[in-house]
Every structure is written in C-alpha cells, then in structure tokens.
C-alpha cells in the first residue's frame, strides 16, 4: 500500500510536503483537522501518517492515541512532525504510539 495521510494545518507546509512526497509516487491525502484525521486514517488505511501536533479539532497526540486504539485491520507508521521540540512532547508522542518524532523545519 503506497498511501500517506498528511495531517497538517499549515497550508504552505502541507504544499511543500505534498510536492516532495508526490515525487516519490505516493498516493497522498491531506487533512487539516484532527477530528477528521482519525476518521480518514481508519477508513482509508494509509501505510504512513505524517502527523502535526498543533491541530484544530483535536491535537496530534489525541489523534495518534485514537488511531492506535481503533480496531483497524493494519497498523500504519505514525510520524509526528512538529515544531514542539521539548523532551516532554517527544516522550508524550512516543507514549501515545508514535513511531518517530521529527522537528520542523525539515529538509525535504
């Protein structure tokens, strides 16, 4: 499965990330709202979720936790991509089920 769910509320960051990922042949779906992201992640079944932390509707930590506790058939990789660089945020990300935690800005 070559699906990536990009959950990012900043349109300029999302545009750059989509452009870079599209060059790799990925099928990308972009969501800008945490609540919607949970439903899409469960229904669309992406292989990878790139997840911002600061989102409208529901923060990325809750999104990650909700996806991990769902009864999805497969388990996507979840990478938190955020400007929150403090250690407590990183630990929280891993404790709710993130597979990795990247700090913005990211070099494409």
PDB file of N, CA and C in Angstrom:
ATOM      1  N   UNK A   1       0.851  -1.168   0.000  1.00  0.00           N
ATOM      2  CA  UNK A   1       0.000   0.000   0.000  1.00  0.00           C
ATOM      3  C   UNK A   1       0.905   1.243   0.000  1.00  0.00           C
ATOM      4  N   UNK A   2       0.661   2.157  -0.900  1.00  0.00           N
ATOM      5  CA  UNK A   2       1.515   3.334  -1.003  1.00  0.00           C
ATOM      6  C   UNK A   2       0.768   4.608  -0.632  1.00  0.00           C
ATOM      7  N   UNK A   3      -0.003   4.555   0.408  1.00  0.00           N
ATOM      8  CA  UNK A   3      -0.798   5.703   0.844  1.00  0.00           C
ATOM      9  C   UNK A   3      -0.142   6.406   2.025  1.00  0.00           C
ATOM     10  N   UNK A   4      -0.118   7.743   1.935  1.00  0.00           N
ATOM     11  CA  UNK A   4       0.344   8.564   3.049  1.00  0.00           C
ATOM     12  C   UNK A   4      -0.763   9.552   3.403  1.00  0.00           C
ATOM     13  N   UNK A   5      -1.105   9.574   4.671  1.00  0.00           N
ATOM     14  CA  UNK A   5      -2.032  10.580   5.179  1.00  0.00           C
ATOM     15  C   UNK A   5      -1.200  11.687   5.801  1.00  0.00           C
ATOM     16  N   UNK A   6      -1.320  12.883   5.258  1.00  0.00           N
ATOM     17  CA  UNK A   6      -0.619  14.059   5.746  1.00  0.00           C
ATOM     18  C   UNK A   6      -1.600  14.883   6.566  1.00  0.00           C
ATOM     19  N   UNK A   7      -1.327  15.022   7.848  1.00  0.00           N
ATOM     20  CA  UNK A   7      -2.209  15.774   8.740  1.00  0.00           C
ATOM     21  C   UNK A   7      -1.448  17.019   9.178  1.00  0.00           C
ATOM     22  N   UNK A   8      -1.753  18.135   8.520  1.00  0.00           N
ATOM     23  CA  UNK A   8      -1.021  19.387   8.716  1.00  0.00           C
ATOM     24  C   UNK A   8      -1.973  20.547   8.463  1.00  0.00           C
ATOM     25  N   UNK A   9      -2.067  21.467   9.429  1.00  0.00           N
ATOM     26  CA  UNK A   9      -2.995  22.581   9.272  1.00  0.00           C
ATOM     27  C   UNK A   9      -2.392  23.815   8.604  1.00  0.00           C
ATOM     28  N   UNK A  10      -1.089  23.869   8.425  1.00  0.00           N
ATOM     29  CA  UNK A  10      -0.448  24.996   7.752  1.00  0.00           C
ATOM     30  C   UNK A  10      -0.408  24.706   6.249  1.00  0.00           C
ATOM     31  N   UNK A  11      -1.159  25.472   5.444  1.00  0.00           N
ATOM     32  CA  UNK A  11      -1.244  25.177   4.014  1.00  0.00           C
ATOM     33  C   UNK A  11       0.100  25.225   3.280  1.00  0.00           C
ATOM     34  N   UNK A  12       0.988  26.127   3.670  1.00  0.00           N
ATOM     35  CA  UNK A  12       2.273  26.222   2.972  1.00  0.00           C
ATOM     36  C   UNK A  12       3.168  25.019   3.280  1.00  0.00           C
ATOM     37  N   UNK A  13       3.181  24.583   4.512  1.00  0.00           N
ATOM     38  CA  UNK A  13       3.958  23.393   4.874  1.00  0.00           C
ATOM     39  C   UNK A  13       3.366  22.160   4.188  1.00  0.00           C
ATOM     40  N   UNK A  14       2.051  22.065   4.193  1.00  0.00           N
ATOM     41  CA  UNK A  14       1.392  20.924   3.549  1.00  0.00           C
ATOM     42  C   UNK A  14       1.702  20.878   2.057  1.00  0.00           C
ATOM     43  N   UNK A  15       1.724  22.022   1.401  1.00  0.00           N
ATOM     44  CA  UNK A  15       2.001  22.068  -0.042  1.00  0.00           C
ATOM     45  C   UNK A  15       3.407  21.554  -0.347  1.00  0.00           C
ATOM     46  N   UNK A  16       4.382  21.973   0.452  1.00  0.00           N
ATOM     47  CA  UNK A  16       5.758  21.523   0.240  1.00  0.00           C
ATOM     48  C   UNK A  16       5.859  20.020   0.485  1.00  0.00           C
ATOM     49  N   UNK A  17       5.278  19.549   1.571  1.00  0.00           N
ATOM     50  CA  UNK A  17       5.355  18.129   1.895  1.00  0.00           C
ATOM     51  C   UNK A  17       4.659  17.280   0.827  1.00  0.00           C
ATOM     52  N   UNK A  18       3.505  17.734   0.351  1.00  0.00           N
ATOM     53  CA  UNK A  18       2.792  17.001  -0.702  1.00  0.00           C
ATOM     54  C   UNK A  18       3.623  16.915  -1.965  1.00  0.00           C
ATOM     55  N   UNK A  19       4.255  18.015  -2.321  1.00  0.00           N
ATOM     56  CA  UNK A  19       5.074  18.061  -3.529  1.00  0.00           C
ATOM     57  C   UNK A  19       6.231  17.070  -3.450  1.00  0.00           C
ATOM     58  N   UNK A  20       6.918  17.067  -2.326  1.00  0.00           N
ATOM     59  CA  UNK A  20       8.057  16.161  -2.141  1.00  0.00           C
ATOM     60  C   UNK A  20       7.592  14.704  -2.155  1.00  0.00           C
ATOM     61  N   UNK A  21       6.530  14.408  -1.456  1.00  0.00           N
ATOM     62  CA  UNK A  21       6.038  13.032  -1.375  1.00  0.00           C
ATOM     63  C   UNK A  21       5.482  12.546  -2.718  1.00  0.00           C
ATOM     64  N   UNK A  22       4.850  13.425  -3.466  1.00  0.00           N
ATOM     65  CA  UNK A  22       4.285  13.051  -4.762  1.00  0.00           C
ATOM     66  C   UNK A  22       5.374  12.628  -5.733  1.00  0.00           C
ATOM     67  N   UNK A  23       6.544  13.243  -5.633  1.00  0.00           N
ATOM     68  CA  UNK A  23       7.662  12.856  -6.497  1.00  0.00           C
ATOM     69  C   UNK A  23       8.098  11.416  -6.240  1.00  0.00           C
ATOM     70  N   UNK A  24       7.812  10.916  -5.057  1.00  0.00           N
ATOM     71  CA  UNK A  24       8.159   9.535  -4.729  1.00  0.00           C
ATOM     72  C   UNK A  24       7.094   8.536  -5.144  1.00  0.00           C
ATOM     73  N   UNK A  25       6.039   9.006  -5.780  1.00  0.00           N
ATOM     74  CA  UNK A  25       4.989   8.120  -6.264  1.00  0.00           C
ATOM     75  C   UNK A  25       3.942   7.736  -5.241  1.00  0.00           C
ATOM     76  N   UNK A  26       3.909   8.439  -4.127  1.00  0.00           N
ATOM     77  CA  UNK A  26       2.946   8.134  -3.068  1.00  0.00           C
ATOM     78  C   UNK A  26       1.562   8.676  -3.410  1.00  0.00           C
ATOM     79  N   UNK A  27       0.540   7.982  -2.972  1.00  0.00           N
ATOM     80  CA  UNK A  27      -0.835   8.461  -3.024  1.00  0.00           C
ATOM     81  C   UNK A  27      -1.046   9.225  -1.726  1.00  0.00           C
ATOM     82  N   UNK A  28      -1.220  10.535  -1.822  1.00  0.00           N
ATOM     83  CA  UNK A  28      -1.236  11.398  -0.633  1.00  0.00           C
ATOM     84  C   UNK A  28      -2.624  11.986  -0.426  1.00  0.00           C
ATOM     85  N   UNK A  29      -3.055  11.941   0.797  1.00  0.00           N
ATOM     86  CA  UNK A  29      -4.300  12.615   1.177  1.00  0.00           C
ATOM     87  C   UNK A  29      -3.959  13.589   2.289  1.00  0.00           C
ATOM     88  N   UNK A  30      -4.413  14.818   2.143  1.00  0.00           N
ATOM     89  CA  UNK A  30      -4.111  15.864   3.127  1.00  0.00           C
ATOM     90  C   UNK A  30      -5.360  16.205   3.930  1.00  0.00           C
ATOM     91  N   UNK A  31      -5.193  16.244   5.236  1.00  0.00           N
ATOM     92  CA  UNK A  31      -6.257  16.629   6.163  1.00  0.00           C
ATOM     93  C   UNK A  31      -5.688  17.721   7.064  1.00  0.00           C
ATOM     94  N   UNK A  32      -6.484  18.745   7.362  1.00  0.00           N
ATOM     95  CA  UNK A  32      -6.006  19.856   8.189  1.00  0.00           C
ATOM     96  C   UNK A  32      -6.668  19.893   9.561  1.00  0.00           C
ATOM     97  N   UNK A  33      -7.447  18.886   9.905  1.00  0.00           N
ATOM     98  CA  UNK A  33      -8.223  18.883  11.138  1.00  0.00           C
ATOM     99  C   UNK A  33      -8.039  17.548  11.854  1.00  0.00           C
ATOM    100  N   UNK A  34      -7.759  17.604  13.149  1.00  0.00           N
ATOM    101  CA  UNK A  34      -7.517  16.402  13.918  1.00  0.00           C
ATOM    102  C   UNK A  34      -8.694  15.444  13.980  1.00  0.00           C
ATOM    103  N   UNK A  35      -9.887  15.966  14.156  1.00  0.00           N
ATOM    104  CA  UNK A  35     -11.066  15.098  14.243  1.00  0.00           C
ATOM    105  C   UNK A  35     -11.279  14.327  12.949  1.00  0.00           C
ATOM    106  N   UNK A  36     -11.161  15.014  11.836  1.00  0.00           N
ATOM    107  CA  UNK A  36     -11.337  14.371  10.538  1.00  0.00           C
ATOM    108  C   UNK A  36     -10.219  13.353  10.277  1.00  0.00           C
ATOM    109  N   UNK A  37      -9.028  13.644  10.764  1.00  0.00           N
ATOM    110  CA  UNK A  37      -7.877  12.773  10.527  1.00  0.00           C
ATOM    111  C   UNK A  37      -8.099  11.368  11.092  1.00  0.00           C
ATOM    112  N   UNK A  38      -8.705  11.269  12.243  1.00  0.00           N
ATOM    113  CA  UNK A  38      -8.953   9.951  12.848  1.00  0.00           C
ATOM    114  C   UNK A  38      -9.863   9.136  11.949  1.00  0.00           C
ATOM    115  N   UNK A  39     -10.967   9.723  11.511  1.00  0.00           N
ATOM    116  CA  UNK A  39     -11.912   9.002  10.656  1.00  0.00           C
ATOM    117  C   UNK A  39     -11.268   8.579   9.336  1.00  0.00           C
ATOM    118  N   UNK A  40     -10.514   9.483   8.713  1.00  0.00           N
ATOM    119  CA  UNK A  40      -9.872   9.176   7.436  1.00  0.00           C
ATOM    120  C   UNK A  40      -8.814   8.090   7.621  1.00  0.00           C
ATOM    121  N   UNK A  41      -8.032   8.172   8.687  1.00  0.00           N
ATOM    122  CA  UNK A  41      -6.987   7.169   8.931  1.00  0.00           C
ATOM    123  C   UNK A  41      -7.578   5.774   9.085  1.00  0.00           C
ATOM    124  N   UNK A  42      -8.696   5.683   9.727  1.00  0.00           N
ATOM    125  CA  UNK A  42      -9.330   4.383   9.942  1.00  0.00           C
ATOM    126  C   UNK A  42      -9.965   3.861   8.654  1.00  0.00           C
ATOM    127  N   UNK A  43     -10.635   4.734   7.916  1.00  0.00           N
ATOM    128  CA  UNK A  43     -11.331   4.303   6.701  1.00  0.00           C
ATOM    129  C   UNK A  43     -10.400   4.112   5.510  1.00  0.00           C
ATOM    130  N   UNK A  44      -9.420   4.984   5.339  1.00  0.00           N
ATOM    131  CA  UNK A  44      -8.561   4.985   4.143  1.00  0.00           C
ATOM    132  C   UNK A  44      -7.379   4.027   4.269  1.00  0.00           C
ATOM    133  N   UNK A  45      -6.977   3.701   5.466  1.00  0.00           N
ATOM    134  CA  UNK A  45      -5.897   2.773   5.787  1.00  0.00           C
ATOM    135  C   UNK A  45      -4.563   3.106   5.107  1.00  0.00           C
ATOM    136  N   UNK A  46      -3.985   4.255   5.449  1.00  0.00           N
ATOM    137  CA  UNK A  46      -2.672   4.595   4.888  1.00  0.00           C
ATOM    138  C   UNK A  46      -1.571   3.740   5.504  1.00  0.00           C
ATOM    139  N   UNK A  47      -0.453   3.640   4.791  1.00  0.00           N
ATOM    140  CA  UNK A  47       0.712   2.933   5.314  1.00  0.00           C
ATOM    141  C   UNK A  47       1.483   3.813   6.288  1.00  0.00           C
ATOM    142  N   UNK A  48       1.409   5.124   6.077  1.00  0.00           N
ATOM    143  CA  UNK A  48       2.153   6.099   6.871  1.00  0.00           C
ATOM    144  C   UNK A  48       1.278   7.301   7.150  1.00  0.00           C
ATOM    145  N   UNK A  49       1.363   7.795   8.370  1.00  0.00           N
ATOM    146  CA  UNK A  49       0.676   9.036   8.741  1.00  0.00           C
ATOM    147  C   UNK A  49       1.731  10.018   9.215  1.00  0.00           C
ATOM    148  N   UNK A  50       1.800  11.168   8.554  1.00  0.00           N
ATOM    149  CA  UNK A  50       2.657  12.267   8.978  1.00  0.00           C
ATOM    150  C   UNK A  50       1.755  13.229   9.728  1.00  0.00           C
ATOM    151  N   UNK A  51       1.987  13.377  11.013  1.00  0.00           N
ATOM    152  CA  UNK A  51       1.017  13.992  11.914  1.00  0.00           C
ATOM    153  C   UNK A  51       1.585  15.177  12.667  1.00  0.00           C
ATOM    154  N   UNK A  52       1.011  16.356  12.418  1.00  0.00           N
ATOM    155  CA  UNK A  52       1.350  17.554  13.178  1.00  0.00           C
ATOM    156  C   UNK A  52       0.743  17.417  14.577  1.00  0.00           C
ATOM    157  N   UNK A  53       1.261  18.156  15.523  1.00  0.00           N
ATOM    158  CA  UNK A  53       0.722  18.106  16.881  1.00  0.00           C
ATOM    159  C   UNK A  53      -0.349  19.174  17.097  1.00  0.00           C
ATOM    160  N   UNK A  54      -0.046  20.397  16.715  1.00  0.00           N
ATOM    161  CA  UNK A  54      -0.979  21.509  16.925  1.00  0.00           C
ATOM    162  C   UNK A  54      -1.980  21.540  15.780  1.00  0.00           C
ATOM    163  N   UNK A  55      -3.167  20.983  16.024  1.00  0.00           N
ATOM    164  CA  UNK A  55      -4.208  20.889  15.008  1.00  0.00           C
ATOM    165  C   UNK A  55      -5.532  21.408  15.542  1.00  0.00           C
ATOM    166  N   UNK A  56      -6.367  21.956  14.677  1.00  0.00           N
ATOM    167  CA  UNK A  56      -7.717  22.309  15.117  1.00  0.00           C
ATOM    168  C   UNK A  56      -8.549  21.038  15.314  1.00  0.00           C
ATOM    169  N   UNK A  57      -9.486  21.095  16.214  1.00  0.00           N
ATOM    170  CA  UNK A  57     -10.395  19.977  16.430  1.00  0.00           C
ATOM    171  C   UNK A  57      -9.911  18.967  17.451  1.00  0.00           C
ATOM    172  N   UNK A  58      -8.675  18.502  17.294  1.00  0.00           N
ATOM    173  CA  UNK A  58      -8.086  17.512  18.196  1.00  0.00           C
ATOM    174  C   UNK A  58      -6.583  17.544  17.970  1.00  0.00           C
ATOM    175  N   UNK A  59      -5.805  17.605  19.042  1.00  0.00           N
ATOM    176  CA  UNK A  59      -4.355  17.681  18.851  1.00  0.00           C
ATOM    177  C   UNK A  59      -3.790  16.341  18.367  1.00  0.00           C
ATOM    178  N   UNK A  60      -2.584  16.396  17.831  1.00  0.00           N
ATOM    179  CA  UNK A  60      -1.962  15.213  17.246  1.00  0.00           C
ATOM    180  C   UNK A  60      -1.749  14.072  18.220  1.00  0.00           C
ATOM    181  N   UNK A  61      -1.514  14.376  19.490  1.00  0.00           N
ATOM    182  CA  UNK A  61      -1.338  13.314  20.485  1.00  0.00           C
ATOM    183  C   UNK A  61      -2.620  12.492  20.628  1.00  0.00           C
ATOM    184  N   UNK A  62      -3.756  13.196  20.673  1.00  0.00           N
ATOM    185  CA  UNK A  62      -5.044  12.507  20.778  1.00  0.00           C
ATOM    186  C   UNK A  62      -5.384  11.767  19.494  1.00  0.00           C
ATOM    187  N   UNK A  63      -5.022  12.355  18.352  1.00  0.00           N
ATOM    188  CA  UNK A  63      -5.233  11.680  17.066  1.00  0.00           C
ATOM    189  C   UNK A  63      -4.460  10.365  17.046  1.00  0.00           C
ATOM    190  N   UNK A  64      -3.200  10.419  17.406  1.00  0.00           N
ATOM    191  CA  UNK A  64      -2.356   9.230  17.424  1.00  0.00           C
ATOM    192  C   UNK A  64      -2.929   8.165  18.360  1.00  0.00           C
ATOM    193  N   UNK A  65      -3.275   8.564  19.536  1.00  0.00           N
ATOM    194  CA  UNK A  65      -3.836   7.637  20.512  1.00  0.00           C
ATOM    195  C   UNK A  65      -5.134   7.016  20.006  1.00  0.00           C
ATOM    196  N   UNK A  66      -5.978   7.816  19.385  1.00  0.00           N
ATOM    197  CA  UNK A  66      -7.256   7.318  18.858  1.00  0.00           C
ATOM    198  C   UNK A  66      -7.051   6.312  17.736  1.00  0.00           C
ATOM    199  N   UNK A  67      -6.100   6.586  16.861  1.00  0.00           N
ATOM    200  CA  UNK A  67      -5.816   5.658  15.767  1.00  0.00           C
ATOM    201  C   UNK A  67      -5.256   4.352  16.320  1.00  0.00           C
ATOM    202  N   UNK A  68      -4.350   4.451  17.271  1.00  0.00           N
ATOM    203  CA  UNK A  68      -3.743   3.249  17.853  1.00  0.00           C
ATOM    204  C   UNK A  68      -4.769   2.401  18.608  1.00  0.00           C
ATOM    205  N   UNK A  69      -5.770   3.024  19.178  1.00  0.00           N
ATOM    206  CA  UNK A  69      -6.756   2.258  19.943  1.00  0.00           C
ATOM    207  C   UNK A  69      -7.934   1.799  19.084  1.00  0.00           C
ATOM    208  N   UNK A  70      -7.945   2.172  17.800  1.00  0.00           N
ATOM    209  CA  UNK A  70      -9.034   1.746  16.917  1.00  0.00           C
ATOM    210  C   UNK A  70      -8.855   0.280  16.551  1.00  0.00           C
ATOM    211  N   UNK A  71      -9.862  -0.271  15.952  1.00  0.00           N
ATOM    212  CA  UNK A  71      -9.809  -1.677  15.560  1.00  0.00           C
ATOM    213  C   UNK A  71      -9.488  -1.799  14.069  1.00  0.00           C
ATOM    214  N   UNK A  72      -8.547  -0.995  13.611  1.00  0.00           N
ATOM    215  CA  UNK A  72      -8.093  -1.041  12.217  1.00  0.00           C
ATOM    216  C   UNK A  72      -7.488  -2.392  11.910  1.00  0.00           C
ATOM    217  N   UNK A  73      -7.592  -2.794  10.640  1.00  0.00           N
ATOM    218  CA  UNK A  73      -7.025  -4.069  10.233  1.00  0.00           C
ATOM    219  C   UNK A  73      -5.506  -4.078  10.259  1.00  0.00           C
ATOM    220  N   UNK A  74      -4.891  -3.001   9.804  1.00  0.00           N
ATOM    221  CA  UNK A  74      -3.430  -2.943   9.810  1.00  0.00           C
ATOM    222  C   UNK A  74      -2.981  -1.757  10.651  1.00  0.00           C
ATOM    223  N   UNK A  75      -1.715  -1.689  10.903  1.00  0.00           N
ATOM    224  CA  UNK A  75      -1.187  -0.622  11.751  1.00  0.00           C
ATOM    225  C   UNK A  75      -0.277   0.271  10.927  1.00  0.00           C
ATOM    226  N   UNK A  76      -0.646   1.544  10.761  1.00  0.00           N
ATOM    227  CA  UNK A  76       0.219   2.438   9.999  1.00  0.00           C
ATOM    228  C   UNK A  76       1.411   2.896  10.841  1.00  0.00           C
ATOM    229  N   UNK A  77       2.461   3.288  10.158  1.00  0.00           N
ATOM    230  CA  UNK A  77       3.533   4.008  10.847  1.00  0.00           C
ATOM    231  C   UNK A  77       3.014   5.412  11.098  1.00  0.00           C
ATOM    232  N   UNK A  78       3.266   5.943  12.274  1.00  0.00           N
ATOM    233  CA  UNK A  78       2.850   7.306  12.597  1.00  0.00           C
ATOM    234  C   UNK A  78       4.091   8.098  12.982  1.00  0.00           C
ATOM    235  N   UNK A  79       4.337   9.160  12.230  1.00  0.00           N
ATOM    236  CA  UNK A  79       5.474  10.033  12.493  1.00  0.00           C
ATOM    237  C   UNK A  79       4.928  11.411  12.852  1.00  0.00           C
ATOM    238  N   UNK A  80       5.219  11.837  14.066  1.00  0.00           N
ATOM    239  CA  UNK A  80       4.841  13.181  14.492  1.00  0.00           C
ATOM    240  C   UNK A  80       5.818  14.151  13.831  1.00  0.00           C
ATOM    241  N   UNK A  81       5.295  15.177  13.182  1.00  0.00           N
ATOM    242  CA  UNK A  81       6.108  16.190  12.506  1.00  0.00           C
ATOM    243  C   UNK A  81       5.656  17.524  13.073  1.00  0.00           C
ATOM    244  N   UNK A  82       6.478  18.105  13.949  1.00  0.00           N
ATOM    245  CA  UNK A  82       6.019  19.252  14.718  1.00  0.00           C
ATOM    246  C   UNK A  82       7.163  20.190  15.087  1.00  0.00           C
ATOM    247  N   UNK A  83       6.799  21.395  15.452  1.00  0.00           N
ATOM    248  CA  UNK A  83       7.783  22.367  15.939  1.00  0.00           C
ATOM    249  C   UNK A  83       8.022  22.207  17.439  1.00  0.00           C
ATOM    250  N   UNK A  84       7.217  21.391  18.106  1.00  0.00           N
ATOM    251  CA  UNK A  84       7.383  21.163  19.545  1.00  0.00           C
ATOM    252  C   UNK A  84       8.629  20.320  19.778  1.00  0.00           C
ATOM    253  N   UNK A  85       9.708  20.962  20.225  1.00  0.00           N
ATOM    254  CA  UNK A  85      10.965  20.238  20.361  1.00  0.00           C
ATOM    255  C   UNK A  85      11.351  19.912  21.797  1.00  0.00           C
ATOM    256  N   UNK A  86      10.441  20.145  22.738  1.00  0.00           N
ATOM    257  CA  UNK A  86      10.794  19.827  24.126  1.00  0.00           C
ATOM    258  C   UNK A  86      10.675  18.326  24.376  1.00  0.00           C
ATOM    259  N   UNK A  87      11.480  17.845  25.284  1.00  0.00           N
ATOM    260  CA  UNK A  87      11.562  16.410  25.560  1.00  0.00           C
ATOM    261  C   UNK A  87      10.235  15.838  26.057  1.00  0.00           C
ATOM    262  N   UNK A  88       9.474  16.619  26.802  1.00  0.00           N
ATOM    263  CA  UNK A  88       8.194  16.098  27.311  1.00  0.00           C
ATOM    264  C   UNK A  88       7.216  15.848  26.166  1.00  0.00           C
ATOM    265  N   UNK A  89       7.242  16.678  25.128  1.00  0.00           N
ATOM    266  CA  UNK A  89       6.377  16.448  23.968  1.00  0.00           C
ATOM    267  C   UNK A  89       6.811  15.197  23.215  1.00  0.00           C
ATOM    268  N   UNK A  90       8.116  15.020  23.071  1.00  0.00           N
ATOM    269  CA  UNK A  90       8.618  13.821  22.404  1.00  0.00           C
ATOM    270  C   UNK A  90       8.201  12.568  23.173  1.00  0.00           C
ATOM    271  N   UNK A  91       8.395  12.584  24.474  1.00  0.00           N
ATOM    272  CA  UNK A  91       8.023  11.424  25.285  1.00  0.00           C
ATOM    273  C   UNK A  91       6.531  11.142  25.210  1.00  0.00           C
ATOM    274  N   UNK A  92       5.733  12.202  25.215  1.00  0.00           N
ATOM    275  CA  UNK A  92       4.286  12.028  25.099  1.00  0.00           C
ATOM    276  C   UNK A  92       3.940  11.417  23.742  1.00  0.00           C
ATOM    277  N   UNK A  93       4.589  11.907  22.686  1.00  0.00           N
ATOM    278  CA  UNK A  93       4.344  11.357  21.353  1.00  0.00           C
ATOM    279  C   UNK A  93       4.607   9.860  21.301  1.00  0.00           C
ATOM    280  N   UNK A  94       5.746   9.445  21.847  1.00  0.00           N
ATOM    281  CA  UNK A  94       6.067   8.017  21.853  1.00  0.00           C
ATOM    282  C   UNK A  94       5.122   7.233  22.759  1.00  0.00           C
ATOM    283  N   UNK A  95       4.702   7.838  23.851  1.00  0.00           N
ATOM    284  CA  UNK A  95       3.830   7.110  24.782  1.00  0.00           C
ATOM    285  C   UNK A  95       2.425   6.884  24.218  1.00  0.00           C
ATOM    286  N   UNK A  96       1.987   7.727  23.269  1.00  0.00           N
ATOM    287  CA  UNK A  96       0.662   7.534  22.670  1.00  0.00           C
ATOM    288  C   UNK A  96       0.718   6.715  21.387  1.00  0.00           C
ATOM    289  N   UNK A  97       1.937   6.275  21.007  1.00  0.00           N
ATOM    290  CA  UNK A  97       2.029   5.353  19.886  1.00  0.00           C
ATOM    291  C   UNK A  97       2.764   5.824  18.656  1.00  0.00           C
ATOM    292  N   UNK A  98       3.405   6.993  18.702  1.00  0.00           N
ATOM    293  CA  UNK A  98       4.162   7.457  17.540  1.00  0.00           C
ATOM    294  C   UNK A  98       5.376   6.557  17.317  1.00  0.00           C
ATOM    295  N   UNK A  99       5.702   6.331  16.051  1.00  0.00           N
ATOM    296  CA  UNK A  99       6.877   5.533  15.703  1.00  0.00           C
ATOM    297  C   UNK A  99       8.131   6.397  15.610  1.00  0.00           C
ATOM    298  N   UNK A 100       7.948   7.677  15.312  1.00  0.00           N
ATOM    299  CA  UNK A 100       9.079   8.603  15.248  1.00  0.00           C
ATOM    300  C   UNK A 100       8.549  10.004  15.500  1.00  0.00           C
ATOM    301  N   UNK A 101       9.463  10.936  15.738  1.00  0.00           N
ATOM    302  CA  UNK A 101       9.108  12.296  16.109  1.00  0.00           C
ATOM    303  C   UNK A 101      10.122  13.219  15.445  1.00  0.00           C
ATOM    304  N   UNK A 102       9.693  13.965  14.423  1.00  0.00           N
ATOM    305  CA  UNK A 102      10.576  14.863  13.685  1.00  0.00           C
ATOM    306  C   UNK A 102      10.258  16.318  14.015  1.00  0.00           C
ATOM    307  N   UNK A 103      11.323  17.113  14.101  1.00  0.00           N
ATOM    308  CA  UNK A 103      11.169  18.523  14.461  1.00  0.00           C
ATOM    309  C   UNK A 103      11.221  19.386  13.204  1.00  0.00           C
ATOM    310  N   UNK A 104      10.218  20.272  13.055  1.00  0.00           N
ATOM    311  CA  UNK A 104      10.208  21.244  11.962  1.00  0.00           C
ATOM    312  C   UNK A 104      11.211  22.339  12.263  1.00  0.00           C
ATOM    313  N   UNK A 105      11.816  22.931  11.271  1.00  0.00           N
ATOM    314  CA  UNK A 105      11.655  22.651   9.848  1.00  0.00           C
ATOM    315  C   UNK A 105      12.438  21.412   9.449  1.00  0.00           C
ATOM    316  N   UNK A 106      11.922  20.731   8.437  1.00  0.00           N
ATOM    317  CA  UNK A 106      12.542  19.516   7.933  1.00  0.00           C
ATOM    318  C   UNK A 106      13.083  19.796   6.545  1.00  0.00           C
ATOM    319  N   UNK A 107      14.270  19.328   6.289  1.00  0.00           N
ATOM    320  CA  UNK A 107      14.848  19.464   4.959  1.00  0.00           C
ATOM    321  C   UNK A 107      14.263  18.367   4.076  1.00  0.00           C
ATOM    322  N   UNK A 108      13.508  18.757   3.049  1.00  0.00           N
ATOM    323  CA  UNK A 108      12.859  17.737   2.181  1.00  0.00           C
ATOM    324  C   UNK A 108      13.866  16.803   1.562  1.00  0.00           C
TER     325      UNK A 108
END
